[in-house]
Amino acid sequence: WLAQHTVMSAARGALPQLRAATDPKAHGGELYAPRFGNNGPAVRRPLVGRSHNQDAIDTLFAVSEAETGFTIDVASAMAETQS
């Protein structure tokens, strides 16, 4: 019983990303996640205050680039999506 209410299959875990990418009502900058945090249907969720902390964002990108060896050019990506 506990596992059924606390975990999801990989297929169900992918549903928030699929909804964010395919729902015509979804917009950039919105978060889609399971309704109950770690389980449930894919719904739009409010962004937490930490998501607006530029220092934390910069650190996350720096660590991600260092660990993966892949440089993320956000400015170019944003320019491409807005053209």
C-alpha atoms as a PDB file:
ATOM      1  CA  TRP A   1       0.000   0.000   0.000  1.00  0.00           C
ATOM      2  CA  LEU A   2       2.726   2.480   0.945  1.00  0.00           C
ATOM      3  CA  ALA A   3       4.639   2.040  -2.324  1.00  0.00           C
ATOM      4  CA  GLN A   4       1.474   2.613  -4.361  1.00  0.00           C
ATOM      5  CA  HIS A   5       0.999   5.992  -2.698  1.00  0.00           C
ATOM      6  CA  THR A   6       4.598   7.205  -2.548  1.00  0.00           C
ATOM      7  CA  VAL A   7       6.290   6.174  -5.805  1.00  0.00           C
ATOM      8  CA  MET A   8       5.487   6.173  -9.517  1.00  0.00           C
ATOM      9  CA  SER A   9       6.662   4.191 -12.501  1.00  0.00           C
ATOM     10  CA  ALA A  10       9.080   5.842 -14.908  1.00  0.00           C
ATOM     11  CA  ALA A  11       6.246   6.233 -17.418  1.00  0.00           C
ATOM     12  CA  ARG A  12       4.023   8.055 -14.908  1.00  0.00           C
ATOM     13  CA  GLY A  13       7.000  10.074 -13.703  1.00  0.00           C
ATOM     14  CA  ALA A  14       7.461  11.432 -17.231  1.00  0.00           C
ATOM     15  CA  LEU A  15       3.894  12.747 -17.474  1.00  0.00           C
ATOM     16  CA  PRO A  16       4.578  16.222 -15.989  1.00  0.00           C
ATOM     17  CA  GLN A  17       7.299  16.876 -18.574  1.00  0.00           C
ATOM     18  CA  LEU A  18       5.089  15.561 -21.368  1.00  0.00           C
ATOM     19  CA  ARG A  19       2.200  17.750 -20.262  1.00  0.00           C
ATOM     20  CA  ALA A  20       4.424  20.824 -20.020  1.00  0.00           C
ATOM     21  CA  ALA A  21       5.709  20.166 -23.540  1.00  0.00           C
ATOM     22  CA  THR A  22       2.389  19.328 -25.215  1.00  0.00           C
ATOM     23  CA  ASP A  23      -0.437  21.076 -23.352  1.00  0.00           C
ATOM     24  CA  PRO A  24      -1.488  24.092 -25.454  1.00  0.00           C
ATOM     25  CA  LYS A  25      -2.386  25.924 -22.216  1.00  0.00           C
ATOM     26  CA  ALA A  26       1.141  25.485 -20.798  1.00  0.00           C
ATOM     27  CA  HIS A  27       3.539  28.428 -20.978  1.00  0.00           C
ATOM     28  CA  GLY A  28       7.279  28.773 -20.487  1.00  0.00           C
ATOM     29  CA  GLY A  29       8.302  29.389 -16.895  1.00  0.00           C
ATOM     30  CA  GLU A  30       5.535  27.224 -15.438  1.00  0.00           C
ATOM     31  CA  LEU A  31       6.155  24.120 -13.353  1.00  0.00           C
ATOM     32  CA  TYR A  32       4.273  20.877 -13.909  1.00  0.00           C
ATOM     33  CA  ALA A  33       4.667  18.208 -11.257  1.00  0.00           C
ATOM     34  CA  PRO A  34       2.710  15.410  -9.581  1.00  0.00           C
ATOM     35  CA  ARG A  35      -0.250  16.811  -7.626  1.00  0.00           C
ATOM     36  CA  PHE A  36       0.911  15.294  -4.343  1.00  0.00           C
ATOM     37  CA  GLY A  37       4.617  16.077  -4.741  1.00  0.00           C
ATOM     38  CA  ASN A  38       5.840  12.578  -5.473  1.00  0.00           C
ATOM     39  CA  ASN A  39       2.687  10.967  -6.839  1.00  0.00           C
ATOM     40  CA  GLY A  40      -0.518  11.896  -8.599  1.00  0.00           C
ATOM     41  CA  PRO A  41      -1.625  13.410 -11.881  1.00  0.00           C
ATOM     42  CA  ALA A  42       0.492  16.032 -13.644  1.00  0.00           C
ATOM     43  CA  VAL A  43      -0.714  19.491 -12.632  1.00  0.00           C
ATOM     44  CA  ARG A  44       0.608  23.048 -12.767  1.00  0.00           C
ATOM     45  CA  ARG A  45       2.298  23.878  -9.458  1.00  0.00           C
ATOM     46  CA  PRO A  46       3.429  27.207  -7.999  1.00  0.00           C
ATOM     47  CA  LEU A  47       7.139  27.958  -8.144  1.00  0.00           C
ATOM     48  CA  VAL A  48       8.801  28.189  -4.750  1.00  0.00           C
ATOM     49  CA  GLY A  49      10.717  31.309  -3.731  1.00  0.00           C
ATOM     50  CA  ARG A  50      14.067  29.553  -4.145  1.00  0.00           C
ATOM     51  CA  SER A  51      13.404  29.279  -7.878  1.00  0.00           C
ATOM     52  CA  HIS A  52      13.902  33.047  -8.134  1.00  0.00           C
ATOM     53  CA  ASN A  53      17.244  33.104  -6.268  1.00  0.00           C
ATOM     54  CA  GLN A  54      19.717  34.092  -8.998  1.00  0.00           C
ATOM     55  CA  ASP A  55      22.771  33.100  -6.918  1.00  0.00           C
ATOM     56  CA  ALA A  56      21.356  29.595  -6.444  1.00  0.00           C
ATOM     57  CA  ILE A  57      20.508  29.369 -10.154  1.00  0.00           C
ATOM     58  CA  ASP A  58      24.026  30.458 -11.149  1.00  0.00           C
ATOM     59  CA  THR A  59      25.558  27.909  -8.759  1.00  0.00           C
ATOM     60  CA  LEU A  60      23.332  25.117 -10.079  1.00  0.00           C
ATOM     61  CA  PHE A  61      24.332  25.872 -13.673  1.00  0.00           C
ATOM     62  CA  ALA A  62      28.040  26.118 -12.789  1.00  0.00           C
ATOM     63  CA  VAL A  63      27.993  22.785 -10.943  1.00  0.00           C
ATOM     64  CA  SER A  64      25.932  21.140 -13.706  1.00  0.00           C
ATOM     65  CA  GLU A  65      28.358  22.323 -16.380  1.00  0.00           C
ATOM     66  CA  ALA A  66      31.394  21.251 -14.340  1.00  0.00           C
ATOM     67  CA  GLU A  67      29.974  17.795 -13.617  1.00  0.00           C
ATOM     68  CA  THR A  68      28.671  17.078 -17.128  1.00  0.00           C
ATOM     69  CA  GLY A  69      31.345  18.854 -19.166  1.00  0.00           C
ATOM     70  CA  PHE A  70      28.519  20.393 -21.201  1.00  0.00           C
ATOM     71  CA  THR A  71      28.195  24.181 -21.482  1.00  0.00           C
ATOM     72  CA  ILE A  72      24.659  25.531 -21.384  1.00  0.00           C
ATOM     73  CA  ASP A  73      24.267  28.770 -23.357  1.00  0.00           C
ATOM     74  CA  VAL A  74      20.993  30.019 -21.915  1.00  0.00           C
ATOM     75  CA  ALA A  75      21.057  33.388 -23.706  1.00  0.00           C
ATOM     76  CA  SER A  76      21.332  31.741 -27.136  1.00  0.00           C
ATOM     77  CA  ALA A  77      18.642  29.206 -26.294  1.00  0.00           C
ATOM     78  CA  MET A  78      16.286  31.955 -25.140  1.00  0.00           C
ATOM     79  CA  ALA A  79      16.960  33.995 -28.294  1.00  0.00           C
ATOM     80  CA  GLU A  80      16.137  30.972 -30.467  1.00  0.00           C
ATOM     81  CA  THR A  81      12.832  30.313 -28.701  1.00  0.00           C
ATOM     82  CA  GLN A  82      11.757  33.946 -28.986  1.00  0.00           C
ATOM     83  CA  SER A  83      12.474  34.291 -32.704  1.00  0.00           C
END
